[in-house]
């Protein structure tokens, strides 16, 4: 039998902080899975990669130009449809 510092044997299957250790392991696993899902989801659309590299997508640039008043609503809608055709 093993003794853990105080001369008393520990019951079989007992580990100090066993439940907390198991919950932390589960939490870590869930976080890793969530991170992988997020990277795969955003990586497929290109938003994550462009924002991390400081690049704007065509839609971002179009939205900014419309917000600044550089484009009319008709021009904005036409360009938005053109971009959707290219992306799809």
N, C-alpha and C. Protein backbone atom coordinates (compact mmCIF):
# COMPACT_ATOMS: atom_id res chain seq x y z
N UNK A 1 0.83 -1.18 0.00
CA UNK A 1 0.00 0.00 0.00
C UNK A 1 0.88 1.24 0.00
N UNK A 2 0.40 2.28 -0.68
CA UNK A 2 1.16 3.52 -0.74
C UNK A 2 0.70 4.45 0.38
N UNK A 3 1.64 5.16 0.92
CA UNK A 3 1.34 6.15 1.95
C UNK A 3 1.66 7.52 1.37
N UNK A 4 0.79 8.47 1.63
CA UNK A 4 0.95 9.80 1.06
C UNK A 4 1.27 10.83 2.14
N UNK A 5 2.42 10.74 2.75
CA UNK A 5 2.92 11.77 3.62
C UNK A 5 2.48 11.71 5.07
N UNK A 6 1.32 11.19 5.38
CA UNK A 6 0.84 11.21 6.77
C UNK A 6 0.78 9.82 7.39
N UNK A 7 1.18 8.82 6.67
CA UNK A 7 1.20 7.48 7.22
C UNK A 7 -0.11 6.74 7.06
N UNK A 8 -1.11 7.38 6.40
CA UNK A 8 -2.39 6.72 6.20
C UNK A 8 -2.51 6.32 4.73
N UNK A 9 -2.88 5.09 4.48
CA UNK A 9 -3.04 4.69 3.07
C UNK A 9 -4.27 5.37 2.46
N UNK A 10 -4.18 5.72 1.18
CA UNK A 10 -5.30 6.35 0.48
C UNK A 10 -6.20 5.26 -0.06
N UNK A 11 -7.50 5.46 -0.03
CA UNK A 11 -8.42 4.46 -0.58
C UNK A 11 -8.19 4.26 -2.08
N UNK A 12 -8.50 3.09 -2.55
CA UNK A 12 -8.30 2.78 -3.97
C UNK A 12 -9.15 3.71 -4.82
N UNK A 13 -8.56 4.26 -5.87
CA UNK A 13 -9.29 5.12 -6.79
C UNK A 13 -9.42 6.56 -6.33
N UNK A 14 -8.87 6.90 -5.17
CA UNK A 14 -8.98 8.26 -4.66
C UNK A 14 -7.74 9.04 -5.03
N UNK A 15 -7.95 10.24 -5.49
CA UNK A 15 -6.84 11.12 -5.82
C UNK A 15 -7.22 12.50 -5.29
N UNK A 16 -6.32 13.18 -4.59
CA UNK A 16 -6.65 14.53 -4.14
C UNK A 16 -6.98 15.41 -5.34
N UNK A 17 -8.02 16.19 -5.23
CA UNK A 17 -8.49 17.07 -6.29
C UNK A 17 -8.87 16.30 -7.55
N UNK A 18 -9.30 15.07 -7.41
CA UNK A 18 -9.63 14.23 -8.56
C UNK A 18 -10.73 14.82 -9.42
N UNK A 19 -11.79 15.30 -8.81
CA UNK A 19 -12.91 15.86 -9.57
C UNK A 19 -12.48 17.16 -10.24
N UNK A 20 -11.77 18.00 -9.52
CA UNK A 20 -11.30 19.26 -10.10
C UNK A 20 -10.35 18.99 -11.26
N UNK A 21 -9.50 18.01 -11.11
CA UNK A 21 -8.56 17.66 -12.17
C UNK A 21 -9.32 17.16 -13.40
N UNK A 22 -10.32 16.36 -13.20
CA UNK A 22 -11.12 15.85 -14.32
C UNK A 22 -11.87 16.98 -15.01
N UNK A 23 -12.43 17.89 -14.24
CA UNK A 23 -13.17 19.02 -14.83
C UNK A 23 -12.24 19.96 -15.60
N UNK A 24 -11.05 20.21 -15.08
CA UNK A 24 -10.10 21.04 -15.80
C UNK A 24 -9.67 20.38 -17.11
N UNK A 25 -9.49 19.07 -17.08
CA UNK A 25 -9.15 18.35 -18.30
C UNK A 25 -10.26 18.43 -19.33
N UNK A 26 -11.50 18.30 -18.88
CA UNK A 26 -12.65 18.41 -19.77
C UNK A 26 -12.77 19.82 -20.33
N UNK A 27 -12.57 20.82 -19.50
CA UNK A 27 -12.62 22.22 -19.94
C UNK A 27 -11.55 22.49 -21.00
N UNK A 28 -10.36 22.01 -20.78
CA UNK A 28 -9.28 22.18 -21.74
C UNK A 28 -9.64 21.53 -23.08
N UNK A 29 -10.18 20.33 -23.03
CA UNK A 29 -10.58 19.62 -24.25
C UNK A 29 -11.66 20.40 -25.01
N UNK A 30 -12.66 20.90 -24.30
CA UNK A 30 -13.73 21.67 -24.93
C UNK A 30 -13.18 22.95 -25.57
N UNK A 31 -12.26 23.63 -24.90
CA UNK A 31 -11.68 24.84 -25.45
C UNK A 31 -10.87 24.56 -26.72
N UNK A 32 -10.14 23.47 -26.73
CA UNK A 32 -9.36 23.11 -27.91
C UNK A 32 -10.29 22.79 -29.09
N UNK A 33 -11.35 22.04 -28.83
CA UNK A 33 -12.31 21.72 -29.89
C UNK A 33 -12.98 22.99 -30.41
N UNK A 34 -13.37 23.89 -29.51
CA UNK A 34 -14.00 25.15 -29.92
C UNK A 34 -13.05 25.99 -30.76
N UNK A 35 -11.79 26.03 -30.39
CA UNK A 35 -10.80 26.79 -31.15
C UNK A 35 -10.63 26.21 -32.55
N UNK A 36 -10.56 24.90 -32.66
CA UNK A 36 -10.41 24.26 -33.96
C UNK A 36 -11.64 24.55 -34.83
N UNK A 37 -12.83 24.45 -34.26
CA UNK A 37 -14.05 24.73 -35.02
C UNK A 37 -14.07 26.18 -35.48
N UNK A 38 -13.68 27.09 -34.61
CA UNK A 38 -13.66 28.51 -34.98
C UNK A 38 -12.67 28.79 -36.10
N UNK A 39 -11.48 28.21 -36.02
CA UNK A 39 -10.48 28.42 -37.06
C UNK A 39 -10.92 27.83 -38.39
N UNK A 40 -11.53 26.65 -38.35
CA UNK A 40 -11.99 26.03 -39.59
C UNK A 40 -13.13 26.83 -40.19
N UNK A 41 -14.05 27.26 -39.36
CA UNK A 41 -15.22 28.00 -39.85
C UNK A 41 -14.80 29.33 -40.44
N UNK A 42 -14.03 30.12 -39.73
CA UNK A 42 -13.62 31.43 -40.22
C UNK A 42 -12.55 31.32 -41.29
N UNK A 43 -11.72 30.31 -41.22
CA UNK A 43 -10.69 30.14 -42.23
C UNK A 43 -11.28 29.83 -43.59
N UNK A 44 -12.41 29.13 -43.62
CA UNK A 44 -13.07 28.81 -44.88
C UNK A 44 -13.64 30.02 -45.58
N UNK A 45 -14.04 31.03 -44.84
CA UNK A 45 -14.63 32.22 -45.43
C UNK A 45 -13.59 33.30 -45.69
N UNK A 46 -12.43 33.16 -45.13
CA UNK A 46 -11.37 34.12 -45.38
C UNK A 46 -11.39 35.33 -44.47
N UNK A 47 -12.42 35.53 -43.67
CA UNK A 47 -12.49 36.71 -42.82
C UNK A 47 -11.37 36.69 -41.78
N UNK A 48 -11.14 35.56 -41.16
CA UNK A 48 -10.13 35.47 -40.10
C UNK A 48 -8.75 35.77 -40.66
N UNK A 49 -8.43 35.17 -41.79
CA UNK A 49 -7.09 35.36 -42.37
C UNK A 49 -6.87 36.81 -42.76
N UNK A 50 -7.85 37.43 -43.39
CA UNK A 50 -7.68 38.81 -43.84
C UNK A 50 -7.59 39.78 -42.68
N UNK A 51 -8.42 39.58 -41.67
CA UNK A 51 -8.38 40.50 -40.54
C UNK A 51 -7.09 40.35 -39.75
N UNK A 52 -6.56 39.14 -39.67
CA UNK A 52 -5.31 38.94 -38.94
C UNK A 52 -4.13 39.53 -39.71
N UNK A 53 -4.21 39.56 -41.02
CA UNK A 53 -3.11 40.08 -41.82
C UNK A 53 -3.30 41.57 -42.12
N UNK A 54 -4.39 42.17 -41.65
CA UNK A 54 -4.62 43.58 -41.86
C UNK A 54 -5.15 43.90 -43.25
N UNK A 55 -5.67 42.93 -43.95
CA UNK A 55 -6.21 43.14 -45.29
C UNK A 55 -7.73 43.21 -45.23
N UNK A 56 -8.30 44.06 -46.05
CA UNK A 56 -9.75 44.17 -46.14
C UNK A 56 -10.24 43.37 -47.33
N UNK A 57 -11.43 42.79 -47.19
CA UNK A 57 -12.04 42.11 -48.32
C UNK A 57 -12.69 43.14 -49.22
N UNK A 58 -13.09 42.71 -50.41
CA UNK A 58 -13.75 43.62 -51.34
C UNK A 58 -15.04 44.16 -50.73
N UNK A 59 -15.76 43.31 -50.00
CA UNK A 59 -17.00 43.74 -49.36
C UNK A 59 -16.72 44.79 -48.29
N UNK A 60 -15.64 44.64 -47.54
CA UNK A 60 -15.27 45.63 -46.52
C UNK A 60 -14.99 46.99 -47.15
N UNK A 61 -14.25 46.96 -48.25
CA UNK A 61 -13.90 48.21 -48.93
C UNK A 61 -15.15 48.86 -49.50
N UNK A 62 -16.02 48.04 -50.09
CA UNK A 62 -17.28 48.57 -50.63
C UNK A 62 -18.12 49.20 -49.54
N UNK A 63 -18.23 48.53 -48.40
CA UNK A 63 -19.00 49.08 -47.28
C UNK A 63 -18.42 50.40 -46.79
N UNK A 64 -17.10 50.49 -46.72
CA UNK A 64 -16.46 51.73 -46.28
C UNK A 64 -16.72 52.87 -47.26
N UNK A 65 -16.61 52.58 -48.55
CA UNK A 65 -16.85 53.63 -49.55
C UNK A 65 -18.29 54.12 -49.51
N UNK A 66 -19.22 53.19 -49.31
CA UNK A 66 -20.63 53.58 -49.22
C UNK A 66 -20.87 54.41 -47.97
N UNK A 67 -20.25 54.00 -46.87
CA UNK A 67 -20.41 54.74 -45.61
C UNK A 67 -19.83 56.15 -45.71
N UNK A 68 -18.76 56.32 -46.48
CA UNK A 68 -18.15 57.64 -46.65
C UNK A 68 -18.94 58.52 -47.62
N UNK A 69 -19.89 57.92 -48.33
CA UNK A 69 -20.68 58.69 -49.29
C UNK A 69 -20.06 58.76 -50.67
N UNK A 70 -19.08 57.93 -50.93
CA UNK A 70 -18.42 57.93 -52.23
C UNK A 70 -19.27 57.25 -53.30
N UNK A 71 -20.23 56.41 -52.88
CA UNK A 71 -21.07 55.67 -53.80
C UNK A 71 -22.53 55.98 -53.54
N UNK A 72 -23.33 55.95 -54.62
CA UNK A 72 -24.78 56.06 -54.44
C UNK A 72 -25.31 54.68 -54.06
N UNK A 73 -26.55 54.65 -53.64
CA UNK A 73 -27.15 53.37 -53.26
C UNK A 73 -27.21 52.42 -54.45
N UNK A 74 -27.52 52.93 -55.63
CA UNK A 74 -27.59 52.10 -56.84
C UNK A 74 -26.21 51.52 -57.18
N UNK A 75 -25.18 52.35 -57.10
CA UNK A 75 -23.82 51.87 -57.37
C UNK A 75 -23.43 50.81 -56.34
N UNK A 76 -23.74 51.06 -55.08
CA UNK A 76 -23.42 50.12 -54.01
C UNK A 76 -24.08 48.77 -54.26
N UNK A 77 -25.39 48.79 -54.57
CA UNK A 77 -26.12 47.53 -54.78
C UNK A 77 -25.57 46.77 -55.99
N UNK A 78 -25.24 47.48 -57.07
CA UNK A 78 -24.70 46.84 -58.27
C UNK A 78 -23.36 46.18 -57.95
N UNK A 79 -22.48 46.91 -57.27
CA UNK A 79 -21.16 46.36 -56.94
C UNK A 79 -21.28 45.21 -55.95
N UNK A 80 -22.21 45.31 -55.03
CA UNK A 80 -22.42 44.24 -54.05
C UNK A 80 -22.83 42.95 -54.76
N UNK A 81 -23.72 43.05 -55.75
CA UNK A 81 -24.14 41.86 -56.52
C UNK A 81 -22.95 41.29 -57.30
N UNK A 82 -22.14 42.18 -57.88
CA UNK A 82 -20.97 41.70 -58.63
C UNK A 82 -19.99 40.95 -57.73
N UNK A 83 -19.77 41.48 -56.53
CA UNK A 83 -18.87 40.81 -55.59
C UNK A 83 -19.42 39.45 -55.18
N UNK A 84 -20.74 39.38 -54.96
CA UNK A 84 -21.35 38.11 -54.56
C UNK A 84 -21.19 37.06 -55.64
N UNK A 85 -21.24 37.48 -56.90
CA UNK A 85 -21.07 36.52 -58.01
C UNK A 85 -19.65 35.98 -58.04
N UNK A 86 -18.67 36.84 -57.78
CA UNK A 86 -17.26 36.43 -57.81
C UNK A 86 -16.95 35.49 -56.65
N UNK A 87 -17.48 35.81 -55.46
CA UNK A 87 -17.20 35.01 -54.27
C UNK A 87 -17.88 33.66 -54.34
N UNK A 88 -19.09 33.61 -54.87
CA UNK A 88 -19.85 32.36 -54.94
C UNK A 88 -19.38 31.49 -56.03
